[in-house]
Amino acid sequence: MSDVIIDVREIPKPQRHPQIFGAFDGLAVGDAVILVNDHDPIPLHNQFAERHPGGFAWDYLVREPGDFRIRISKTLDAPAPRLLGNSADAVAGGEAGVAWKLDLDDRPLDANIITLAPGGGIGEHVGGEVDVLVHVLDGTGVVGTQTGPVPVSAGDLLWLPKHSRRSFRAGDGGLSYLTVHTHREPTLAITPR
């Protein structure tokens, strides 16, 4: 086993968590980061719980005022799958807009559940640099494309190639759909025509 010691008291605050997670991500299972700090880093523990649920152990070696040493060991070779929510619950609220979004750090995907009110829509725009998969969860509507309208209803899967023109119009009962695409920095923006 090989442990990495990081004394965060010597690291500027904005660089601390990225350096700790970078070291942790490079560990083998069973290895650890030994964190030296002047306080109990509870927010860091919460970030580990969110990013690596079930994939780390947090053991206090020293826990005294002004002196904390914590062994953060890697227990899994990859993040564990986890339940993020329920799409039926997300669309049940009936509010128009983003009903749910994938909100995890360092993710390779973006995903959102969009809900449109009856007759509501998103105007025509050109998609960005990523392909988008759309899964219609509830309701009916029409997706406008450069080759004409595509009627959609619950269960339909639609692929929107990058740079393609598209618009969305909900039917009389509204429309809810899940979008999935490669994560981009900064956040993907819709470009009006």
Protein backbone atom coordinates (compact mmCIF):
# COMPACT_ATOMS: atom_id res chain seq x y z
CA MET A 1 0.00 0.00 0.00
CA SER A 2 1.14 3.51 -0.77
CA ASP A 3 -0.28 6.59 0.94
CA VAL A 4 0.04 10.16 -0.32
CA ILE A 5 0.38 12.87 2.34
CA ILE A 6 -1.17 16.25 1.54
CA ASP A 7 -0.75 19.09 4.03
CA VAL A 8 -3.46 21.47 2.89
CA ARG A 9 -2.27 24.18 5.26
CA GLU A 10 0.45 24.89 2.67
CA ILE A 11 -1.89 24.97 -0.35
CA PRO A 12 -3.97 28.01 -1.45
CA LYS A 13 -7.67 27.40 -0.75
CA PRO A 14 -8.90 27.28 -4.39
CA GLN A 15 -6.35 24.54 -5.15
CA ARG A 16 -7.00 22.29 -2.13
CA HIS A 17 -9.99 20.19 -3.16
CA PRO A 18 -8.89 19.76 -6.80
CA GLN A 19 -5.46 18.59 -5.60
CA ILE A 20 -6.99 16.17 -3.07
CA PHE A 21 -9.42 14.69 -5.60
CA GLY A 22 -6.68 14.50 -8.24
CA ALA A 23 -4.46 12.52 -5.86
CA PHE A 24 -7.37 10.30 -4.77
CA ASP A 25 -8.41 9.56 -8.36
CA GLY A 26 -4.86 8.35 -9.12
CA LEU A 27 -4.80 5.87 -6.22
CA ALA A 28 -5.08 2.11 -6.43
CA VAL A 29 -7.72 0.37 -4.35
CA GLY A 30 -6.47 0.17 -0.77
CA ASP A 31 -4.18 3.18 -1.08
CA ALA A 32 -5.01 6.46 0.61
CA VAL A 33 -4.51 10.18 0.86
CA ILE A 34 -3.44 11.29 4.33
CA LEU A 35 -4.91 14.75 4.74
CA VAL A 36 -3.28 17.15 7.23
CA ASN A 37 -5.43 20.14 8.17
CA ASP A 38 -6.05 22.61 11.00
CA HIS A 39 -9.81 21.90 11.12
CA ASP A 40 -12.29 19.11 10.44
CA PRO A 41 -12.97 19.27 6.66
CA ILE A 42 -16.66 18.33 6.77
CA PRO A 43 -17.47 19.96 3.36
CA LEU A 44 -14.72 17.83 1.79
CA HIS A 45 -16.24 14.71 3.36
CA ASN A 46 -19.62 15.68 1.86
CA GLN A 47 -18.02 16.10 -1.58
CA PHE A 48 -16.44 12.65 -1.29
CA ALA A 49 -19.82 11.18 -0.32
CA GLU A 50 -21.40 12.77 -3.41
CA ARG A 51 -18.62 11.92 -5.87
CA HIS A 52 -17.59 8.49 -4.55
CA PRO A 53 -20.50 6.94 -2.63
CA GLY A 54 -19.31 3.64 -1.16
CA GLY A 55 -15.91 4.13 -2.80
CA PHE A 56 -13.92 5.65 0.04
CA ALA A 57 -13.23 5.25 3.75
CA TRP A 58 -12.75 8.29 6.01
CA ASP A 59 -10.69 7.49 9.11
CA TYR A 60 -9.51 10.08 11.61
CA LEU A 61 -5.91 9.47 12.67
CA VAL A 62 -5.70 12.68 14.74
CA ARG A 63 -8.71 14.72 15.77
CA GLU A 64 -7.62 17.55 18.04
CA PRO A 65 -8.22 21.32 17.99
CA GLY A 66 -5.92 22.78 15.32
CA ASP A 67 -4.63 19.35 14.22
CA PHE A 68 -6.62 16.97 12.04
CA ARG A 69 -5.17 14.05 10.11
CA ILE A 70 -7.53 11.95 8.07
CA ARG A 71 -6.82 8.82 6.03
CA ILE A 72 -9.07 8.85 2.96
CA SER A 73 -8.67 5.44 1.38
CA LYS A 74 -9.95 4.20 -1.95
CA THR A 75 -12.25 1.19 -1.57
CA LEU A 76 -13.51 0.77 -5.17
CA ASP A 77 -11.68 0.91 -8.50
CA ALA A 78 -14.45 3.00 -10.09
CA PRO A 79 -17.39 5.06 -8.85
CA ALA A 80 -20.37 2.88 -7.95
CA PRO A 81 -23.61 3.07 -9.93
CA ARG A 82 -26.29 4.90 -8.01
CA LEU A 83 -29.91 5.92 -8.18
CA LEU A 84 -30.20 9.61 -9.09
CA GLY A 85 -33.95 10.06 -8.96
CA ASN A 86 -37.18 9.07 -10.66
CA SER A 87 -38.29 10.57 -13.96
CA ALA A 88 -41.97 10.11 -13.10
CA ASP A 89 -41.46 12.19 -9.95
CA ALA A 90 -39.57 14.84 -11.94
CA VAL A 91 -42.37 15.36 -14.46
CA ALA A 92 -45.23 15.02 -11.93
CA GLY A 93 -44.84 18.61 -10.73
CA GLY A 94 -46.22 19.94 -13.99
CA GLU A 95 -44.05 23.07 -13.90
CA ALA A 96 -42.61 24.13 -17.26
CA GLY A 97 -38.82 24.28 -17.51
CA VAL A 98 -35.95 22.07 -16.40
CA ALA A 99 -37.52 19.49 -14.09
CA TRP A 100 -34.24 17.62 -13.39
CA LYS A 101 -30.61 17.75 -14.45
CA LEU A 102 -27.56 15.59 -14.00
CA ASP A 103 -25.49 17.55 -11.51
CA LEU A 104 -22.34 15.57 -10.76
CA ASP A 105 -18.79 16.86 -10.85
CA ASP A 106 -16.39 15.51 -13.48
CA ARG A 107 -19.09 13.83 -15.54
CA PRO A 108 -18.71 12.95 -19.23
CA LEU A 109 -22.48 13.36 -19.86
CA ASP A 110 -25.14 16.01 -19.46
CA ALA A 111 -28.76 15.01 -18.99
CA ASN A 112 -31.86 17.10 -18.36
CA ILE A 113 -35.59 16.51 -18.07
CA ILE A 114 -37.45 19.32 -19.80
CA THR A 115 -41.17 19.90 -19.25
CA LEU A 116 -43.22 22.06 -21.61
CA ALA A 117 -46.68 23.33 -20.68
CA PRO A 118 -49.60 22.47 -22.99
CA GLY A 119 -49.03 24.38 -26.24
CA GLY A 120 -45.67 25.64 -24.97
CA GLY A 121 -42.46 25.29 -26.83
CA ILE A 122 -38.85 26.08 -27.57
CA GLY A 123 -38.32 28.12 -30.74
CA GLU A 124 -36.24 27.01 -33.67
CA HIS A 125 -32.53 26.98 -32.99
CA VAL A 126 -29.35 25.31 -34.22
CA GLY A 127 -27.89 22.69 -31.93
CA GLY A 128 -24.35 22.98 -30.62
CA GLU A 129 -21.25 20.84 -31.03
CA VAL A 130 -22.82 17.67 -29.60
CA ASP A 131 -25.33 15.05 -30.70
CA VAL A 132 -28.37 14.86 -28.43
CA LEU A 133 -30.53 11.85 -27.60
CA VAL A 134 -34.13 12.76 -26.69
CA HIS A 135 -36.41 10.31 -24.88
CA VAL A 136 -40.03 11.44 -24.63
CA LEU A 137 -41.25 10.62 -21.11
CA ASP A 138 -44.79 11.98 -21.10
CA GLY A 139 -47.27 13.76 -23.36
CA THR A 140 -47.18 14.51 -27.05
CA GLY A 141 -45.73 17.18 -29.27
CA VAL A 142 -43.91 18.04 -32.44
CA VAL A 143 -40.18 18.42 -32.97
CA GLY A 144 -39.47 20.72 -35.88
CA THR A 145 -36.50 19.75 -38.05
CA GLN A 146 -35.01 21.00 -41.31
CA THR A 147 -36.84 18.16 -43.11
CA GLY A 148 -40.21 18.87 -41.51
CA PRO A 149 -42.18 18.22 -38.33
CA VAL A 150 -41.69 14.99 -36.37
CA PRO A 151 -44.66 14.07 -34.15
CA VAL A 152 -43.54 12.53 -30.84
CA SER A 153 -45.26 10.82 -27.93
CA ALA A 154 -44.30 9.02 -24.71
CA GLY A 155 -41.67 6.36 -25.33
CA ASP A 156 -40.26 7.85 -28.54
CA LEU A 157 -36.49 8.16 -28.93
CA LEU A 158 -35.16 10.91 -31.16
CA TRP A 159 -31.59 11.65 -32.22
CA LEU A 160 -30.65 15.28 -32.89
CA PRO A 161 -27.31 15.46 -34.72
CA LYS A 162 -24.93 18.28 -33.82
CA HIS A 163 -25.62 21.54 -35.68
CA SER A 164 -29.10 20.38 -36.76
CA ARG A 165 -32.06 22.75 -36.65
CA ARG A 166 -34.79 21.90 -34.17
CA SER A 167 -37.74 23.30 -32.28
CA PHE A 168 -40.17 21.80 -29.77
CA ARG A 169 -43.91 22.34 -29.41
CA ALA A 170 -45.98 20.55 -26.76
CA GLY A 171 -49.38 19.04 -27.50
CA ASP A 172 -52.58 19.70 -25.56
CA GLY A 173 -51.41 17.63 -22.57
CA GLY A 174 -47.89 19.07 -22.38
CA LEU A 175 -44.59 17.36 -23.17
CA SER A 176 -41.77 16.06 -20.95
CA TYR A 177 -38.55 14.64 -22.33
CA LEU A 178 -35.08 13.59 -21.26
CA THR A 179 -32.03 14.87 -23.16
CA VAL A 180 -28.62 13.20 -22.98
CA HIS A 181 -25.43 14.43 -24.61
CA THR A 182 -21.70 14.74 -24.09
CA HIS A 183 -20.77 17.21 -21.35
CA ARG A 184 -19.38 20.51 -22.54
CA GLU A 185 -17.67 23.36 -20.72
CA PRO A 186 -19.09 25.96 -20.52
CA THR A 187 -22.72 24.88 -20.34
CA LEU A 188 -24.29 24.11 -23.72
CA ALA A 189 -26.14 27.14 -25.07
CA ILE A 190 -28.99 27.24 -27.57
CA THR A 191 -28.16 29.42 -30.58
CA PRO A 192 -31.20 31.15 -32.12
CA ARG A 193 -31.45 31.28 -35.92
